[in-house]
């Protein structure tokens, strides 16, 4: 059973998964279009991606694609754990320029729905962390954008300094809006 919890950011939704656990392990429904629709979330995945991260404190982000290529996504951890950050970049949103962080892990089975217009990034909390992304539209090459993870305009409180970060993620511009 999926349960949906509003967050401090407009339209960003934390999805709790009620796993059935027994001596074999666990079984959980990870996505159900009818449950999402009943929760008021219009989301149909058209692409599924997997990010594997070897080292603890690997940082990815903050990424987004601007309109008309903006992407909604549903993020879930399949191995390990992450400190997941969403930054609202929608000028018409009441939570514009605010960020919120969530701990997602293979153990807690939480998922996070992130609407179009928000930047997303994460810091791995364990070695060998895998993050599954269900995307609302296919990736459009050449339109990736981002904001530096340490941009003083947002003062994101990361739990640790990144040990590994791509050159592109280190060199995203500071926010100009």
Protein backbone atom coordinates (compact mmCIF):
# COMPACT_ATOMS: atom_id res chain seq x y z
CA UNK A 1 0.00 0.00 0.00
CA UNK A 2 1.28 3.44 -0.89
CA UNK A 3 0.66 6.48 1.28
CA UNK A 4 1.31 10.04 0.14
CA UNK A 5 2.57 12.83 2.40
CA UNK A 6 2.74 16.49 1.47
CA UNK A 7 6.08 18.21 2.07
CA UNK A 8 7.10 21.83 2.66
CA UNK A 9 7.56 22.25 -1.10
CA UNK A 10 4.47 22.62 -3.25
CA UNK A 11 3.66 19.43 -5.21
CA UNK A 12 6.70 17.53 -3.88
CA UNK A 13 5.31 14.37 -2.29
CA UNK A 14 6.97 11.79 -0.03
CA UNK A 15 5.63 8.33 -0.82
CA UNK A 16 5.69 5.74 1.94
CA UNK A 17 5.57 2.09 0.96
CA UNK A 18 3.86 -0.35 3.26
CA UNK A 19 6.03 -3.41 2.77
CA UNK A 20 4.90 -6.88 3.69
CA UNK A 21 7.79 -8.40 5.65
CA UNK A 22 8.30 -11.98 6.73
CA UNK A 23 11.11 -14.51 7.16
CA UNK A 24 11.84 -14.37 3.41
CA UNK A 25 12.34 -10.60 3.35
CA UNK A 26 9.87 -8.05 2.04
CA UNK A 27 7.45 -7.39 -0.79
CA UNK A 28 6.37 -3.85 -1.62
CA UNK A 29 4.44 -2.08 -4.33
CA UNK A 30 6.75 0.66 -5.58
CA UNK A 31 4.49 2.43 -8.07
CA UNK A 32 0.83 2.27 -9.00
CA UNK A 33 -0.67 4.75 -11.49
CA UNK A 34 -4.12 4.44 -9.91
CA UNK A 35 -2.76 5.25 -6.43
CA UNK A 36 -0.85 8.26 -7.78
CA UNK A 37 -3.98 9.52 -9.59
CA UNK A 38 -6.09 9.05 -6.45
CA UNK A 39 -3.52 11.18 -4.57
CA UNK A 40 -3.89 13.92 -7.20
CA UNK A 41 -0.54 13.26 -8.88
CA UNK A 42 -0.73 13.15 -12.67
CA UNK A 43 2.36 11.07 -13.44
CA UNK A 44 2.97 8.34 -15.95
CA UNK A 45 6.59 7.20 -16.28
CA UNK A 46 7.95 7.09 -19.81
CA UNK A 47 11.55 6.25 -18.94
CA UNK A 48 13.30 4.48 -16.05
CA UNK A 49 16.92 5.22 -15.12
CA UNK A 50 19.33 3.77 -12.57
CA UNK A 51 22.20 5.65 -10.95
CA UNK A 52 24.84 3.46 -9.31
CA UNK A 53 27.24 5.08 -6.87
CA UNK A 54 30.25 3.21 -5.57
CA UNK A 55 31.39 5.53 -2.78
CA UNK A 56 29.73 6.99 0.28
CA UNK A 57 29.41 10.79 0.01
CA UNK A 58 29.17 10.84 -3.77
CA UNK A 59 27.21 13.93 -4.77
CA UNK A 60 25.03 14.19 -7.86
CA UNK A 61 23.20 17.39 -8.69
CA UNK A 62 21.53 19.75 -8.50
CA UNK A 63 19.98 18.88 -11.88
CA UNK A 64 16.93 19.94 -13.84
CA UNK A 65 15.73 20.56 -17.37
CA UNK A 66 14.01 23.86 -18.15
CA UNK A 67 10.71 24.12 -20.00
CA UNK A 68 9.70 22.89 -22.46
CA UNK A 69 11.85 19.87 -21.55
CA UNK A 70 11.15 19.96 -17.80
CA UNK A 71 10.94 16.53 -16.19
CA UNK A 72 8.82 15.25 -13.34
CA UNK A 73 10.42 12.28 -11.61
CA UNK A 74 9.77 9.68 -8.97
CA UNK A 75 12.97 8.73 -7.14
CA UNK A 76 13.57 5.67 -5.00
CA UNK A 77 16.68 4.01 -3.53
CA UNK A 78 17.13 0.31 -4.34
CA UNK A 79 20.44 -0.24 -2.49
CA UNK A 80 22.07 1.91 0.18
CA UNK A 81 20.85 5.35 1.26
CA UNK A 82 20.85 8.99 0.16
CA UNK A 83 20.31 12.47 1.51
CA UNK A 84 17.97 13.68 -1.22
CA UNK A 85 17.50 17.41 -1.87
CA UNK A 86 14.78 19.13 -3.89
CA UNK A 87 15.03 22.84 -4.72
CA UNK A 88 11.93 24.63 -6.01
CA UNK A 89 12.81 26.79 -9.03
CA UNK A 90 9.23 27.58 -10.11
CA UNK A 91 8.80 31.38 -9.89
CA UNK A 92 5.02 31.07 -9.43
CA UNK A 93 5.30 28.55 -6.60
CA UNK A 94 4.74 29.59 -2.97
CA UNK A 95 7.85 27.55 -2.12
CA UNK A 96 10.03 29.21 -4.79
CA UNK A 97 13.76 29.17 -3.91
CA UNK A 98 13.20 26.88 -0.92
CA UNK A 99 14.75 23.46 -0.53
CA UNK A 100 13.93 20.40 1.52
CA UNK A 101 15.90 17.23 2.19
CA UNK A 102 14.75 13.65 2.72
CA UNK A 103 16.53 10.46 3.69
CA UNK A 104 15.66 7.74 1.23
CA UNK A 105 17.01 4.23 1.64
CA UNK A 106 16.54 0.67 0.54
CA UNK A 107 15.52 -0.06 4.14
CA UNK A 108 12.84 2.63 4.55
CA UNK A 109 11.48 2.11 0.99
CA UNK A 110 10.47 5.77 0.73
CA UNK A 111 10.03 7.34 -2.68
CA UNK A 112 9.93 11.00 -3.62
CA UNK A 113 7.80 12.56 -6.34
CA UNK A 114 9.45 15.69 -7.76
CA UNK A 115 7.40 17.86 -10.14
CA UNK A 116 8.64 19.69 -13.19
CA UNK A 117 10.49 22.90 -12.37
CA UNK A 118 12.42 21.62 -9.37
CA UNK A 119 16.16 20.92 -9.19
CA UNK A 120 17.20 17.63 -7.66
CA UNK A 121 20.40 16.25 -6.18
CA UNK A 122 21.61 13.79 -3.61
CA UNK A 123 24.55 12.77 -1.46
CA UNK A 124 25.04 9.05 -0.92
CA UNK A 125 25.14 7.99 2.72
CA UNK A 126 26.48 4.49 2.07
CA UNK A 127 28.82 2.77 -0.36
CA UNK A 128 27.19 0.98 -3.28
CA UNK A 129 24.02 3.04 -3.43
CA UNK A 130 21.60 2.59 -6.32
CA UNK A 131 18.94 5.18 -7.15
CA UNK A 132 16.02 4.38 -9.45
CA UNK A 133 14.43 7.26 -11.36
CA UNK A 134 11.05 6.97 -13.05
CA UNK A 135 10.86 9.90 -15.45
CA UNK A 136 7.70 11.62 -16.69
CA UNK A 137 9.25 12.24 -20.10
CA UNK A 138 12.23 10.94 -22.03
CA UNK A 139 15.53 12.74 -21.51
CA UNK A 140 16.14 15.44 -24.12
CA UNK A 141 19.91 15.58 -24.85
CA UNK A 142 21.51 19.00 -24.84
CA UNK A 143 19.07 20.58 -22.39
CA UNK A 144 20.44 19.51 -19.02
CA UNK A 145 20.87 22.32 -16.53
CA UNK A 146 21.94 22.64 -12.95
CA UNK A 147 22.83 24.75 -9.97
CA UNK A 148 25.88 24.28 -7.81
CA UNK A 149 25.27 22.18 -4.72
CA UNK A 150 27.05 24.78 -2.56
CA UNK A 151 25.33 27.88 -3.97
CA UNK A 152 25.18 30.45 -1.13
CA UNK A 153 21.79 31.67 -2.42
CA UNK A 154 20.26 28.49 -0.96
CA UNK A 155 22.69 27.43 1.81
CA UNK A 156 21.77 23.76 1.54
CA UNK A 157 22.78 21.94 4.69
CA UNK A 158 24.46 18.79 3.36
CA UNK A 159 25.31 16.21 6.07
CA UNK A 160 28.92 15.83 4.80
CA UNK A 161 31.27 17.29 2.22
CA UNK A 162 31.24 15.40 -1.06
CA UNK A 163 34.09 12.93 -1.55
CA UNK A 164 33.26 12.46 -5.22
CA UNK A 165 31.49 14.91 -7.52
CA UNK A 166 31.61 15.26 -11.28
CA UNK A 167 33.36 18.21 -12.88
CA UNK A 168 30.05 19.29 -14.44
CA UNK A 169 28.33 19.32 -11.04
CA UNK A 170 31.22 21.32 -9.48
CA UNK A 171 30.98 23.88 -12.30
CA UNK A 172 27.26 24.57 -12.53
CA UNK A 173 26.68 28.33 -12.31
CA UNK A 174 25.48 30.12 -9.22
CA UNK A 175 21.79 30.97 -9.22
CA UNK A 176 21.07 34.12 -11.20
CA UNK A 177 17.32 34.43 -10.60
